[in-house]
Amino acid sequence: MAAYDYRCRDCDTTFTVQRAMGDVATLLRCPAGHENVVRVWSAVSVTGKAAAPQPAGGCCGGGCCS
């Protein structure tokens, strides 16, 4: 499950919904029951070891590979 942010165009309410990735495009109502809802796209924050910059310079991390 992933958290997605949505905004209702009728009442301007922003809300978050936990949904499976395959259900993102299915019909959704705001907490007030309106159907005029759009997904709010936001920047993704990536942290952790996988996001760390990797050394450049070939197979040995910048050293001379002879």
N, C-alpha and C. Protein backbone atom coordinates (compact mmCIF):
# COMPACT_ATOMS: atom_id res chain seq x y z
N MET A 1 0.83 -1.18 0.00
CA MET A 1 0.00 0.00 0.00
C MET A 1 0.88 1.24 0.00
N ALA A 2 0.39 2.24 -0.69
CA ALA A 2 1.10 3.52 -0.76
C ALA A 2 0.13 4.63 -0.39
N ALA A 3 0.66 5.75 0.09
CA ALA A 3 -0.16 6.91 0.45
C ALA A 3 -0.18 7.87 -0.73
N TYR A 4 -1.38 8.29 -1.13
CA TYR A 4 -1.55 9.23 -2.22
C TYR A 4 -2.34 10.44 -1.73
N ASP A 5 -1.95 11.62 -2.17
CA ASP A 5 -2.66 12.85 -1.81
C ASP A 5 -3.62 13.21 -2.93
N TYR A 6 -4.82 13.63 -2.55
CA TYR A 6 -5.86 14.03 -3.50
C TYR A 6 -6.44 15.36 -3.06
N ARG A 7 -7.04 16.09 -4.02
CA ARG A 7 -7.73 17.35 -3.72
C ARG A 7 -9.09 17.32 -4.40
N CYS A 8 -10.11 17.71 -3.66
CA CYS A 8 -11.46 17.80 -4.19
C CYS A 8 -11.62 19.16 -4.86
N ARG A 9 -12.05 19.16 -6.13
CA ARG A 9 -12.25 20.41 -6.85
C ARG A 9 -13.53 21.12 -6.42
N ASP A 10 -14.45 20.40 -5.81
CA ASP A 10 -15.72 21.00 -5.39
C ASP A 10 -15.58 21.74 -4.06
N CYS A 11 -14.94 21.12 -3.06
CA CYS A 11 -14.85 21.75 -1.74
C CYS A 11 -13.41 22.14 -1.36
N ASP A 12 -12.44 21.92 -2.25
CA ASP A 12 -11.04 22.28 -2.07
C ASP A 12 -10.39 21.59 -0.86
N THR A 13 -10.89 20.43 -0.49
CA THR A 13 -10.32 19.65 0.60
C THR A 13 -9.17 18.81 0.07
N THR A 14 -8.04 18.79 0.79
CA THR A 14 -6.92 17.92 0.44
C THR A 14 -6.89 16.79 1.46
N PHE A 15 -6.72 15.56 0.97
CA PHE A 15 -6.73 14.41 1.86
C PHE A 15 -5.80 13.33 1.32
N THR A 16 -5.40 12.42 2.20
CA THR A 16 -4.48 11.34 1.86
C THR A 16 -5.22 10.02 1.97
N VAL A 17 -4.96 9.13 1.00
CA VAL A 17 -5.61 7.82 0.96
C VAL A 17 -4.54 6.75 0.81
N GLN A 18 -4.64 5.69 1.59
CA GLN A 18 -3.78 4.51 1.44
C GLN A 18 -4.42 3.60 0.41
N ARG A 19 -3.73 3.33 -0.69
CA ARG A 19 -4.29 2.49 -1.75
C ARG A 19 -3.20 1.61 -2.34
N ALA A 20 -3.62 0.52 -2.93
CA ALA A 20 -2.69 -0.30 -3.71
C ALA A 20 -2.32 0.48 -4.97
N MET A 21 -1.13 0.27 -5.50
CA MET A 21 -0.69 1.01 -6.68
C MET A 21 -1.63 0.79 -7.86
N GLY A 22 -2.22 -0.37 -8.00
CA GLY A 22 -3.12 -0.66 -9.10
C GLY A 22 -4.47 0.01 -8.97
N ASP A 23 -4.79 0.53 -7.80
CA ASP A 23 -6.09 1.17 -7.56
C ASP A 23 -6.07 2.69 -7.70
N VAL A 24 -4.93 3.25 -8.06
CA VAL A 24 -4.78 4.71 -8.10
C VAL A 24 -5.77 5.35 -9.07
N ALA A 25 -6.06 4.72 -10.19
CA ALA A 25 -6.92 5.32 -11.21
C ALA A 25 -8.41 5.04 -11.00
N THR A 26 -8.77 4.28 -9.98
CA THR A 26 -10.18 3.97 -9.75
C THR A 26 -10.91 5.15 -9.11
N LEU A 27 -12.23 5.16 -9.23
CA LEU A 27 -13.06 6.24 -8.71
C LEU A 27 -12.84 6.43 -7.22
N LEU A 28 -12.78 7.69 -6.82
CA LEU A 28 -12.55 8.04 -5.42
C LEU A 28 -13.42 9.24 -5.09
N ARG A 29 -13.93 9.28 -3.88
CA ARG A 29 -14.72 10.42 -3.39
C ARG A 29 -13.96 11.09 -2.26
N CYS A 30 -14.17 12.40 -2.12
CA CYS A 30 -13.57 13.12 -1.00
C CYS A 30 -14.34 12.78 0.27
N PRO A 31 -13.84 13.17 1.44
CA PRO A 31 -14.55 12.88 2.69
C PRO A 31 -15.97 13.43 2.74
N ALA A 32 -16.27 14.48 1.95
CA ALA A 32 -17.62 15.05 1.91
C ALA A 32 -18.51 14.36 0.89
N GLY A 33 -17.93 13.41 0.12
CA GLY A 33 -18.72 12.63 -0.84
C GLY A 33 -18.68 13.11 -2.28
N HIS A 34 -17.92 14.15 -2.58
CA HIS A 34 -17.83 14.64 -3.95
C HIS A 34 -16.96 13.72 -4.81
N GLU A 35 -17.27 13.62 -6.10
CA GLU A 35 -16.51 12.77 -7.02
C GLU A 35 -15.48 13.54 -7.84
N ASN A 36 -15.49 14.86 -7.81
CA ASN A 36 -14.60 15.68 -8.62
C ASN A 36 -13.24 15.79 -7.91
N VAL A 37 -12.49 14.69 -7.92
CA VAL A 37 -11.25 14.57 -7.16
C VAL A 37 -10.08 14.39 -8.12
N VAL A 38 -8.97 15.07 -7.85
CA VAL A 38 -7.76 14.92 -8.64
C VAL A 38 -6.60 14.56 -7.72
N ARG A 39 -5.67 13.83 -8.27
CA ARG A 39 -4.48 13.45 -7.51
C ARG A 39 -3.52 14.63 -7.47
N VAL A 40 -2.94 14.87 -6.30
CA VAL A 40 -1.96 15.94 -6.12
C VAL A 40 -0.59 15.31 -6.26
N TRP A 41 0.17 15.80 -7.21
CA TRP A 41 1.52 15.27 -7.43
C TRP A 41 2.49 16.07 -6.59
N SER A 42 3.35 15.37 -5.87
CA SER A 42 4.32 16.05 -5.02
C SER A 42 5.69 15.42 -5.24
N ALA A 43 6.71 16.14 -4.84
CA ALA A 43 8.07 15.65 -4.97
C ALA A 43 8.28 14.46 -4.04
N VAL A 44 9.06 13.52 -4.48
CA VAL A 44 9.36 12.33 -3.68
C VAL A 44 10.70 12.53 -3.01
N SER A 45 10.76 12.25 -1.74
CA SER A 45 12.01 12.34 -1.00
C SER A 45 12.61 10.94 -0.87
N VAL A 46 13.83 10.80 -1.36
CA VAL A 46 14.50 9.51 -1.28
C VAL A 46 15.67 9.66 -0.33
N THR A 47 15.71 8.79 0.66
CA THR A 47 16.81 8.83 1.62
C THR A 47 17.37 7.43 1.80
N GLY A 48 18.51 7.37 2.40
CA GLY A 48 19.11 6.07 2.70
C GLY A 48 20.33 5.80 1.86
N LYS A 49 20.90 4.64 2.05
CA LYS A 49 22.14 4.26 1.41
C LYS A 49 22.00 4.19 -0.11
N ALA A 50 20.87 3.74 -0.62
CA ALA A 50 20.68 3.61 -2.06
C ALA A 50 20.69 4.98 -2.75
N ALA A 51 20.37 6.05 -2.02
CA ALA A 51 20.32 7.39 -2.61
C ALA A 51 21.66 8.11 -2.55
N ALA A 52 22.65 7.53 -1.86
CA ALA A 52 23.94 8.17 -1.72
C ALA A 52 24.68 8.21 -3.06
N PRO A 53 25.41 9.31 -3.33
CA PRO A 53 26.15 9.37 -4.59
C PRO A 53 27.20 8.28 -4.66
N GLN A 54 27.36 7.72 -5.83
CA GLN A 54 28.34 6.67 -6.04
C GLN A 54 29.61 7.27 -6.62
N PRO A 55 30.77 6.74 -6.27
CA PRO A 55 32.02 7.27 -6.80
C PRO A 55 32.06 7.11 -8.32
N ALA A 56 32.68 8.07 -8.97
CA ALA A 56 32.81 8.02 -10.43
C ALA A 56 34.20 7.54 -10.81
N GLY A 57 34.36 7.22 -12.05
CA GLY A 57 35.72 6.89 -12.53
C GLY A 57 35.92 5.45 -12.88
N GLY A 58 34.93 4.74 -13.27
CA GLY A 58 35.14 3.38 -13.74
C GLY A 58 34.88 2.32 -12.68
N CYS A 59 35.39 1.15 -12.93
CA CYS A 59 35.07 -0.02 -12.11
C CYS A 59 35.69 0.00 -10.73
N CYS A 60 36.71 0.78 -10.52
CA CYS A 60 37.39 0.74 -9.22
C CYS A 60 37.21 2.04 -8.44
N GLY A 61 36.19 2.82 -8.78
CA GLY A 61 35.88 4.01 -7.99
C GLY A 61 36.82 5.17 -8.22
N GLY A 62 37.44 5.27 -9.38
CA GLY A 62 38.27 6.41 -9.68
C GLY A 62 39.74 6.10 -9.71
N GLY A 63 40.12 4.91 -9.28
CA GLY A 63 41.54 4.53 -9.32
C GLY A 63 41.94 4.11 -10.72
N CYS A 64 43.18 3.88 -10.90
CA CYS A 64 43.68 3.44 -12.20
C CYS A 64 43.54 1.95 -12.33
N CYS A 65 42.78 1.51 -13.32
CA CYS A 65 42.52 0.07 -13.53
C CYS A 65 43.44 -0.45 -14.63
N SER A 66 44.60 -0.95 -14.26
CA SER A 66 45.53 -1.46 -15.26
C SER A 66 45.67 -2.94 -15.16
